[in-house]
Amino acid sequence: MAGSIDQISFQLKKAARRVGSWFGSPHRSNAVSVTKQQVLQQVAKVMSPRKVSLEEAGVLSDVLVDHGKVMLSINVDASEAKDWEAVRSEVEQLIRALPGVSSALVALTAERRGGPPPTARPSPRSGGIADVGGHRPAPPPHGSPMARQAAIPGVRAIIAVASGKGGVGKSTTAINLALGLRDLGLRVGVLDADIYGPSMPKLTGIREKPQLNDAKKMIPVVRFGLKVMSIGFLVEENTPMIWRGPMVMSAITQMLREVEWGELDVMVVDMPPGTGDAQLTLAQQVPLQGAVIVSTPQDLALIDARRGLAMFTRVNVPVLGIIENMSYFSCPHCGTRSDIFGHGGASHEARELKLPFLGEVPLHMDIRATSDAGTPLVHSQPDGEHAAIYRTIAGTIAQRLGMTVTQR
């Protein structure tokens, strides 16, 4: 495992150098052990971008110390994340300088807070500087709280393909939608943000690792005319990613910000399944122009899909629509149609929630076989009826994004 982590360290640069050491070969025991209190004392007086100590700003998470390995996160407003990078680096260096510390990970965890702007009250301890309640700026009074996030240079629009649970075909849908957008004449990138279960290496057949350019940024792997990036390109297929939330977010941030994406019309983000902290934080950090929800027709999947919809609504990301995947099965021998998972549940849900229903994708052996072979259906069977379904859905998404398209 140490070898694969060395590869992460090389490719993910700063983030993975911080993360990878947690899961490499164990370090020899240190003669001196560091304590949580020592760590807090070391970094408490570091000044924030607003010249308030981190202790006063109240942005430090609980410190985790394990056999010389130290981890903490700095919780900041998403709009200020870039300004906090120098602070994060300083804190990390100070922790590493402590006797008994073998490795340190300091991650920025950005969030948006709703509600009216807090009232700034002078603090006697800080000579009139606003106290913790006024330390983070409020979100814009109207519109999406994502509107002030830093865009990825050269990327016009970012959309998330998400599901409330795993096993509904989200990643297969994401890659085929990306290919459908490509066929509309758009420049498309794919980010596999599912750190715990990356699927893009299998779906695309990519085995090589990303290279670094002169600016030490990773160059995404190009396949089928798509620029693709995944944590799965950097680790062995069977390596478990036993990472805590801040580590996951740090890796995702690096894949977003320290990859040379170039000029893209659309970036398709294959989101992790579920609605936990990682998913919510990613939705808050990335300037998403919209989300596509993938669900199967049965009630159990739709319950989880509703949770996904509620998450995006909560962070004011517009939902571009719902796709019913594995909607029906047509026997390849006799043509008999069977609704294995029921039928129409997603379209009914869309009507109930007054959201666009983007279409039905059947359960078909060709979709499964081409995905397993690393040659997605829209690429390998472009003239087939199922490829046409994906392209139609992609066209609807592009239209909702306001993209001008040209059919290939």
Protein backbone atom coordinates (compact mmCIF):
# COMPACT_ATOMS: atom_id res chain seq x y z
CA MET A 1 0.00 0.00 0.00
CA ALA A 2 2.89 2.33 0.69
CA GLY A 3 3.77 2.33 -3.00
CA SER A 4 0.32 3.45 -4.08
CA ILE A 5 0.34 6.18 -1.47
CA ASP A 6 3.69 7.36 -2.81
CA GLN A 7 1.97 7.71 -6.18
CA ILE A 8 -0.77 9.80 -4.58
CA SER A 9 1.86 11.97 -2.95
CA PHE A 10 3.52 12.61 -6.32
CA GLN A 11 0.34 13.28 -8.25
CA LEU A 12 -1.84 15.13 -5.78
CA LYS A 13 1.03 17.43 -4.77
CA LYS A 14 0.35 19.46 -1.66
CA ALA A 15 -2.95 17.82 -0.68
CA ALA A 16 -1.86 14.25 -1.12
CA ARG A 17 1.49 14.88 0.50
CA ARG A 18 -0.52 15.95 3.52
CA VAL A 19 -3.00 13.09 3.20
CA GLY A 20 -0.90 10.20 1.96
CA SER A 21 1.44 10.08 4.92
CA TRP A 22 -1.45 9.03 7.12
CA PHE A 23 -1.77 5.76 5.29
CA GLY A 24 1.78 4.97 4.22
CA SER A 25 4.16 2.68 6.05
CA PRO A 26 3.93 3.19 9.81
CA HIS A 27 6.50 5.50 11.32
CA ARG A 28 8.75 4.37 14.10
CA SER A 29 7.57 5.46 17.52
CA ASN A 30 8.70 8.93 18.49
CA ALA A 31 10.73 9.45 21.61
CA VAL A 32 8.56 12.48 22.36
CA SER A 33 4.77 12.37 21.98
CA VAL A 34 2.80 15.46 21.12
CA THR A 35 -0.48 16.35 22.82
CA LYS A 36 -3.60 18.07 21.56
CA GLN A 37 -3.01 20.94 23.98
CA GLN A 38 0.49 21.51 22.60
CA VAL A 39 -0.89 21.67 19.07
CA LEU A 40 -3.57 24.20 20.04
CA GLN A 41 -1.06 26.36 21.88
CA GLN A 42 1.26 26.29 18.85
CA VAL A 43 -1.33 27.55 16.38
CA ALA A 44 -3.81 29.55 18.51
CA LYS A 45 -2.05 32.88 17.92
CA VAL A 46 -1.73 32.53 14.15
CA MET A 47 -3.57 35.47 12.60
CA SER A 48 -6.47 35.07 10.22
CA PRO A 49 -6.73 37.13 6.98
CA ARG A 50 -8.72 39.64 9.04
CA LYS A 51 -5.93 39.94 11.62
CA VAL A 52 -7.83 38.04 14.29
CA SER A 53 -6.16 35.12 16.04
CA LEU A 54 -7.50 31.69 15.15
CA GLU A 55 -8.43 31.21 18.78
CA GLU A 56 -10.61 34.31 18.76
CA ALA A 57 -12.03 33.55 15.30
CA GLY A 58 -13.25 30.16 16.51
CA VAL A 59 -12.43 28.41 13.25
CA LEU A 60 -10.33 25.50 14.51
CA SER A 61 -11.85 22.05 14.64
CA ASP A 62 -11.11 19.51 17.34
CA VAL A 63 -7.52 18.30 17.00
CA LEU A 64 -6.89 14.61 16.33
CA VAL A 65 -3.54 13.18 17.43
CA ASP A 66 -2.57 9.59 16.73
CA HIS A 67 0.99 8.32 17.26
CA GLY A 68 2.60 11.54 16.09
CA LYS A 69 0.13 12.16 13.27
CA VAL A 70 -1.88 15.36 13.71
CA MET A 71 -5.03 16.39 11.86
CA LEU A 72 -7.28 19.41 12.15
CA SER A 73 -9.46 21.50 9.88
CA ILE A 74 -10.03 25.23 9.63
CA ASN A 75 -13.69 26.00 9.07
CA VAL A 76 -14.08 29.14 6.91
CA ASP A 77 -16.55 30.78 4.60
CA ALA A 78 -16.34 29.45 1.04
CA SER A 79 -15.89 32.91 -0.43
CA GLU A 80 -12.73 33.46 1.66
CA ALA A 81 -11.12 30.05 1.10
CA LYS A 82 -8.42 31.40 -1.23
CA ASP A 83 -7.40 34.04 1.34
CA TRP A 84 -7.07 31.35 4.01
CA GLU A 85 -4.64 29.14 2.07
CA ALA A 86 -1.57 30.96 3.42
CA VAL A 87 -2.95 30.59 6.96
CA ARG A 88 -3.53 26.88 6.42
CA SER A 89 0.05 26.46 5.20
CA GLU A 90 1.47 28.38 8.17
CA VAL A 91 -0.52 26.30 10.65
CA GLU A 92 0.64 23.09 9.02
CA GLN A 93 4.30 24.14 9.15
CA LEU A 94 4.03 25.13 12.80
CA ILE A 95 2.52 21.77 13.71
CA ARG A 96 5.21 19.90 11.83
CA ALA A 97 7.85 21.83 13.78
CA LEU A 98 6.60 20.42 17.09
CA PRO A 99 8.75 17.69 18.63
CA GLY A 100 7.03 14.33 18.30
CA VAL A 101 5.04 15.18 15.16
CA SER A 102 5.72 12.77 12.29
CA SER A 103 3.10 14.16 9.89
CA ALA A 104 0.41 16.83 9.82
CA LEU A 105 -2.72 17.44 7.81
CA VAL A 106 -4.50 20.78 7.93
CA ALA A 107 -7.50 21.13 5.63
CA LEU A 108 -9.75 24.06 4.83
CA THR A 109 -13.40 23.15 5.25
CA ALA A 110 -15.52 25.85 3.60
CA GLU A 111 -19.16 26.46 4.35
CA ARG A 112 -21.96 28.90 3.68
CA ARG A 113 -24.24 30.11 6.41
CA GLY A 114 -27.75 31.17 5.61
CA GLY A 115 -29.86 33.79 7.33
CA PRO A 116 -29.39 37.52 7.76
CA PRO A 117 -25.92 39.02 8.16
CA PRO A 118 -24.73 38.83 11.75
CA THR A 119 -24.43 42.04 13.67
CA ALA A 120 -20.79 42.90 14.27
CA ARG A 121 -20.11 43.76 17.88
CA PRO A 122 -16.79 45.31 18.98
CA SER A 123 -14.65 42.94 20.98
CA PRO A 124 -12.72 44.42 23.88
CA ARG A 125 -10.07 41.74 23.48
CA SER A 126 -9.34 42.60 19.86
CA GLY A 127 -9.37 46.37 19.95
CA GLY A 128 -12.65 46.88 18.10
CA ILE A 129 -12.32 43.95 15.68
CA ALA A 130 -15.63 42.17 15.10
CA ASP A 131 -16.03 39.07 17.27
CA VAL A 132 -16.51 35.52 16.03
CA GLY A 133 -20.14 36.10 15.09
CA GLY A 134 -19.08 38.71 12.55
CA HIS A 135 -15.91 37.01 11.39
CA ARG A 136 -17.45 35.29 8.36
CA PRO A 137 -19.22 37.45 5.76
CA ALA A 138 -22.86 36.67 5.12
CA PRO A 139 -24.00 35.16 1.83
CA PRO A 140 -25.57 37.42 -0.80
CA PRO A 141 -29.04 38.65 0.21
CA HIS A 142 -30.59 37.05 -2.87
CA GLY A 143 -29.69 34.38 -5.41
CA SER A 144 -27.51 31.34 -4.94
CA PRO A 145 -24.98 31.36 -2.12
CA MET A 146 -22.64 29.70 -4.62
CA ALA A 147 -22.60 32.88 -6.73
CA ARG A 148 -19.53 34.30 -4.98
CA GLN A 149 -17.45 31.12 -5.15
CA ALA A 150 -14.27 31.17 -7.13
CA ALA A 151 -14.84 29.62 -10.53
CA ILE A 152 -12.41 27.14 -12.03
CA PRO A 153 -10.46 29.04 -14.70
CA GLY A 154 -11.58 28.15 -18.21
CA VAL A 155 -14.64 26.12 -17.10
CA ARG A 156 -17.95 27.66 -18.16
CA ALA A 157 -20.33 25.39 -16.23
CA ILE A 158 -20.09 22.64 -13.62
CA ILE A 159 -22.92 20.18 -13.10
CA ALA A 160 -23.25 17.42 -10.53
CA VAL A 161 -24.66 13.99 -11.31
CA ALA A 162 -25.91 12.69 -7.98
CA SER A 163 -28.03 10.07 -6.31
CA GLY A 164 -29.34 9.56 -2.82
CA LYS A 165 -27.83 6.09 -2.64
CA GLY A 166 -25.38 3.84 -4.43
CA GLY A 167 -26.21 1.15 -6.96
CA VAL A 168 -28.59 3.14 -9.15
CA GLY A 169 -26.21 3.55 -12.10
CA LYS A 170 -25.14 7.11 -11.35
CA SER A 171 -21.58 6.80 -12.67
CA THR A 172 -22.65 4.98 -15.83
CA THR A 173 -25.19 7.73 -16.41
CA ALA A 174 -22.59 10.44 -15.74
CA ILE A 175 -20.07 9.17 -18.30
CA ASN A 176 -22.70 8.63 -20.98
CA LEU A 177 -24.21 12.07 -20.37
CA ALA A 178 -20.71 13.55 -20.70
CA LEU A 179 -20.32 11.75 -24.03
CA GLY A 180 -23.75 12.99 -25.08
CA LEU A 181 -22.69 16.56 -24.31
CA ARG A 182 -19.50 15.94 -26.30
CA ASP A 183 -21.61 14.85 -29.28
CA LEU A 184 -23.39 18.19 -29.10
CA GLY A 185 -20.08 19.88 -29.93
CA LEU A 186 -19.25 20.89 -26.36
CA ARG A 187 -15.85 20.64 -24.67
CA VAL A 188 -16.42 18.35 -21.71
CA GLY A 189 -14.48 17.25 -18.64
CA VAL A 190 -15.37 14.59 -16.09
CA LEU A 191 -14.35 14.74 -12.43
CA ASP A 192 -14.83 11.53 -10.46
CA ALA A 193 -15.48 12.94 -6.99
CA ASP A 194 -16.42 9.56 -5.51
CA ILE A 195 -13.24 9.15 -3.47
CA TYR A 196 -14.35 5.99 -1.67
CA GLY A 197 -15.59 4.19 -4.78
CA PRO A 198 -14.14 5.73 -7.97
CA SER A 199 -15.74 4.22 -11.07
CA MET A 200 -14.22 6.22 -13.93
CA PRO A 201 -11.10 4.05 -14.34
CA LYS A 202 -13.32 1.03 -15.03
CA LEU A 203 -15.88 2.91 -17.11
CA THR A 204 -13.27 4.54 -19.33
CA GLY A 205 -10.63 1.81 -19.38
CA ILE A 206 -8.00 4.32 -18.28
CA ARG A 207 -4.96 2.72 -16.67
CA GLU A 208 -2.28 5.39 -17.07
CA LYS A 209 -1.59 8.01 -14.45
CA PRO A 210 -1.88 11.76 -15.00
CA GLN A 211 1.29 13.65 -15.88
CA LEU A 212 2.44 16.98 -14.44
CA ASN A 213 2.97 20.09 -16.52
CA ASP A 214 5.68 22.72 -16.00
CA ALA A 215 3.46 24.48 -13.45
CA LYS A 216 3.28 21.23 -11.44
CA LYS A 217 -0.40 20.85 -12.20
CA MET A 218 -1.84 17.49 -13.14
CA ILE A 219 -2.93 17.04 -16.73
CA PRO A 220 -6.24 15.15 -16.96
CA VAL A 221 -6.25 11.98 -19.01
CA VAL A 222 -8.04 12.40 -22.34
CA ARG A 223 -10.29 9.54 -23.44
CA PHE A 224 -13.13 9.56 -25.97
CA GLY A 225 -12.62 13.32 -26.38
CA LEU A 226 -13.25 13.91 -22.66
CA LYS A 227 -10.81 15.23 -20.08
CA VAL A 228 -11.08 12.84 -17.15
CA MET A 229 -9.70 12.99 -13.59
CA SER A 230 -10.22 10.46 -10.80
CA ILE A 231 -8.52 9.45 -7.56
CA GLY A 232 -8.75 5.97 -9.03
CA PHE A 233 -6.01 6.86 -11.52
CA LEU A 234 -3.60 7.32 -8.61
CA VAL A 235 -4.15 4.25 -6.46
CA GLU A 236 -4.36 0.52 -7.04
CA GLU A 237 -7.83 -0.77 -7.83
CA ASN A 238 -8.21 -2.72 -4.57
CA THR A 239 -6.74 -0.06 -2.28
CA PRO A 240 -9.31 1.04 0.33
CA MET A 241 -9.60 4.79 0.80
CA ILE A 242 -9.93 4.97 4.58
CA TRP A 243 -10.01 8.75 4.77
CA ARG A 244 -11.83 11.11 7.08
CA GLY A 245 -13.99 13.92 5.73
CA PRO A 246 -11.37 16.74 5.74
CA MET A 247 -8.91 14.50 3.90
CA VAL A 248 -11.51 13.67 1.26
CA MET A 249 -12.36 17.32 0.76
CA SER A 250 -8.70 18.28 0.53
CA ALA A 251 -8.14 15.70 -2.22
CA ILE A 252 -11.25 16.79 -4.14
CA THR A 253 -10.24 20.44 -3.87
CA GLN A 254 -6.83 19.63 -5.33
CA MET A 255 -8.40 17.69 -8.21
CA LEU A 256 -10.55 20.72 -8.93
CA ARG A 257 -8.03 23.51 -8.44
CA GLU A 258 -4.67 21.95 -9.22
CA VAL A 259 -5.55 20.14 -12.43
CA GLU A 260 -4.96 21.83 -15.78
CA TRP A 261 -8.51 21.52 -17.08
CA GLY A 262 -8.01 24.04 -19.86
CA GLU A 263 -11.05 25.39 -21.68
CA LEU A 264 -14.24 23.44 -20.97
CA ASP A 265 -17.86 24.20 -21.72
CA VAL A 266 -19.10 21.72 -19.13
CA MET A 267 -17.51 19.80 -16.29
CA VAL A 268 -19.54 16.78 -15.20
CA VAL A 269 -18.91 15.88 -11.55
CA ASP A 270 -19.72 12.30 -10.63
CA MET A 271 -20.75 12.91 -7.02
CA PRO A 272 -20.39 10.43 -4.17
CA PRO A 273 -23.70 8.69 -3.41
CA GLY A 274 -25.66 9.79 -0.37
CA THR A 275 -26.15 13.09 1.43
CA GLY A 276 -23.47 13.13 4.10
CA ASP A 277 -20.95 15.76 5.09
CA ALA A 278 -18.68 15.15 2.11
CA GLN A 279 -21.51 15.57 -0.37
CA LEU A 280 -22.88 18.69 1.31
CA THR A 281 -19.46 20.29 1.62
CA LEU A 282 -18.65 19.55 -2.02
CA ALA A 283 -21.93 21.13 -3.10
CA GLN A 284 -21.03 24.23 -1.08
CA GLN A 285 -17.43 24.48 -2.28
CA VAL A 286 -17.94 23.96 -6.01
CA PRO A 287 -19.73 26.66 -8.05
CA LEU A 288 -22.36 24.29 -9.41
CA GLN A 289 -24.65 25.51 -12.17
CA GLY A 290 -27.02 22.63 -11.56
CA ALA A 291 -27.54 19.05 -10.44
CA VAL A 292 -28.96 15.98 -12.17
CA ILE A 293 -30.56 13.38 -9.89
CA VAL A 294 -30.40 9.71 -10.92
CA SER A 295 -32.84 7.23 -9.39
CA THR A 296 -34.37 3.88 -10.14
CA PRO A 297 -38.18 3.66 -10.15
CA GLN A 298 -38.82 1.80 -6.89
CA ASP A 299 -39.94 3.58 -3.74
CA LEU A 300 -36.82 2.67 -1.75
CA ALA A 301 -34.54 4.48 -4.20
CA LEU A 302 -36.92 7.43 -4.52
CA ILE A 303 -36.85 8.00 -0.76
CA ASP A 304 -33.10 8.49 -0.97
CA ALA A 305 -33.43 10.56 -4.14
CA ARG A 306 -35.67 12.97 -2.23
CA ARG A 307 -32.89 13.41 0.31
CA GLY A 308 -30.49 14.29 -2.50
CA LEU A 309 -32.97 16.79 -3.89
CA ALA A 310 -33.43 18.33 -0.45
CA MET A 311 -29.66 18.69 -0.06
CA PHE A 312 -29.28 20.65 -3.30
CA THR A 313 -32.33 22.76 -2.45
CA ARG A 314 -30.80 23.55 0.92
CA VAL A 315 -27.61 24.89 -0.66
CA ASN A 316 -29.52 26.65 -3.47
CA VAL A 317 -28.15 24.59 -6.33
CA PRO A 318 -30.75 24.38 -9.10
CA VAL A 319 -31.91 20.87 -9.97
CA LEU A 320 -31.75 20.44 -13.74
CA GLY A 321 -33.96 17.38 -13.61
CA ILE A 322 -34.45 13.73 -12.62
CA ILE A 323 -33.46 10.66 -14.67
CA GLU A 324 -35.19 7.32 -14.16
CA ASN A 325 -32.45 4.74 -14.67
CA MET A 326 -33.15 0.99 -15.14
CA SER A 327 -36.65 2.13 -15.95
CA TYR A 328 -37.70 -1.09 -17.68
CA PHE A 329 -36.26 -4.26 -19.20
CA SER A 330 -36.96 -5.46 -22.72
CA CYS A 331 -36.13 -9.10 -23.36
CA PRO A 332 -33.53 -9.27 -26.17
CA HIS A 333 -35.08 -12.54 -27.41
CA CYS A 334 -38.82 -11.97 -27.43
CA GLY A 335 -39.08 -8.21 -26.88
CA THR A 336 -41.35 -8.59 -23.85
CA ARG A 337 -41.09 -5.60 -21.54
CA SER A 338 -40.77 -6.16 -17.78
CA ASP A 339 -40.83 -3.43 -15.15
CA ILE A 340 -38.39 -5.13 -12.81
CA PHE A 341 -38.05 -2.19 -10.43
CA GLY A 342 -41.48 -0.77 -11.13
CA HIS A 343 -41.92 2.04 -13.59
CA GLY A 344 -42.69 5.76 -13.60
CA GLY A 345 -41.70 6.44 -10.02
CA ALA A 346 -39.12 9.09 -10.92
CA SER A 347 -41.39 10.86 -13.40
CA HIS A 348 -44.17 10.91 -10.79
CA GLU A 349 -41.71 12.33 -8.25
CA ALA A 350 -40.64 15.03 -10.70
CA ARG A 351 -44.26 16.06 -11.25
CA GLU A 352 -44.91 16.15 -7.51
CA LEU A 353 -41.87 18.35 -6.93
CA LYS A 354 -42.46 20.44 -10.06
CA LEU A 355 -39.04 19.51 -11.46
CA PRO A 356 -38.12 18.59 -15.04
CA PHE A 357 -38.21 14.88 -15.84
CA LEU A 358 -35.26 14.29 -18.14
CA GLY A 359 -36.08 10.82 -19.38
CA GLU A 360 -36.02 7.05 -18.92
CA VAL A 361 -32.96 4.85 -19.44
CA PRO A 362 -33.73 1.12 -19.72
CA LEU A 363 -31.97 -1.77 -18.04
CA HIS A 364 -30.12 -3.30 -20.95
CA MET A 365 -27.24 -5.72 -21.35
CA ASP A 366 -25.41 -3.45 -23.82
CA ILE A 367 -25.22 -0.62 -21.28
CA ARG A 368 -23.82 -3.00 -18.68
CA ALA A 369 -21.40 -4.76 -21.06
CA THR A 370 -19.94 -1.61 -22.60
CA SER A 371 -19.50 -0.07 -19.15
CA ASP A 372 -17.65 -3.12 -17.85
CA ALA A 373 -15.47 -3.13 -20.97
CA GLY A 374 -14.42 0.50 -20.48
CA THR A 375 -16.09 1.59 -23.73
CA PRO A 376 -19.26 3.46 -22.70
CA LEU A 377 -22.29 2.89 -24.87
CA VAL A 378 -22.57 6.40 -26.34
CA HIS A 379 -19.01 6.03 -27.62
CA SER A 380 -19.04 2.37 -28.70
CA GLN A 381 -22.60 2.22 -30.10
CA PRO A 382 -23.24 5.84 -31.15
CA ASP A 383 -26.00 4.96 -33.60
CA GLY A 384 -27.97 2.76 -31.20
CA GLU A 385 -31.32 3.60 -29.65
CA HIS A 386 -29.88 3.79 -26.15
CA ALA A 387 -27.15 6.22 -27.15
CA ALA A 388 -29.91 8.38 -28.61
CA ILE A 389 -31.63 8.41 -25.20
CA TYR A 390 -28.51 9.71 -23.48
CA ARG A 391 -27.95 12.33 -26.18
CA THR A 392 -31.52 13.56 -25.88
CA ILE A 393 -31.12 13.97 -22.14
CA ALA A 394 -27.77 15.69 -22.66
CA GLY A 395 -29.40 18.09 -25.10
CA THR A 396 -32.04 19.01 -22.53
CA ILE A 397 -29.35 19.64 -19.92
CA ALA A 398 -27.33 21.79 -22.32
CA GLN A 399 -30.45 23.78 -23.15
CA ARG A 400 -31.17 24.38 -19.47
CA LEU A 401 -27.58 25.56 -19.04
CA GLY A 402 -28.05 28.01 -21.90
CA MET A 403 -25.41 26.31 -24.05
CA THR A 404 -25.32 26.75 -27.82
CA VAL A 405 -24.83 23.29 -29.29
CA THR A 406 -24.14 21.77 -32.70
CA GLN A 407 -25.09 18.15 -33.30
CA ARG A 408 -22.16 16.01 -34.47
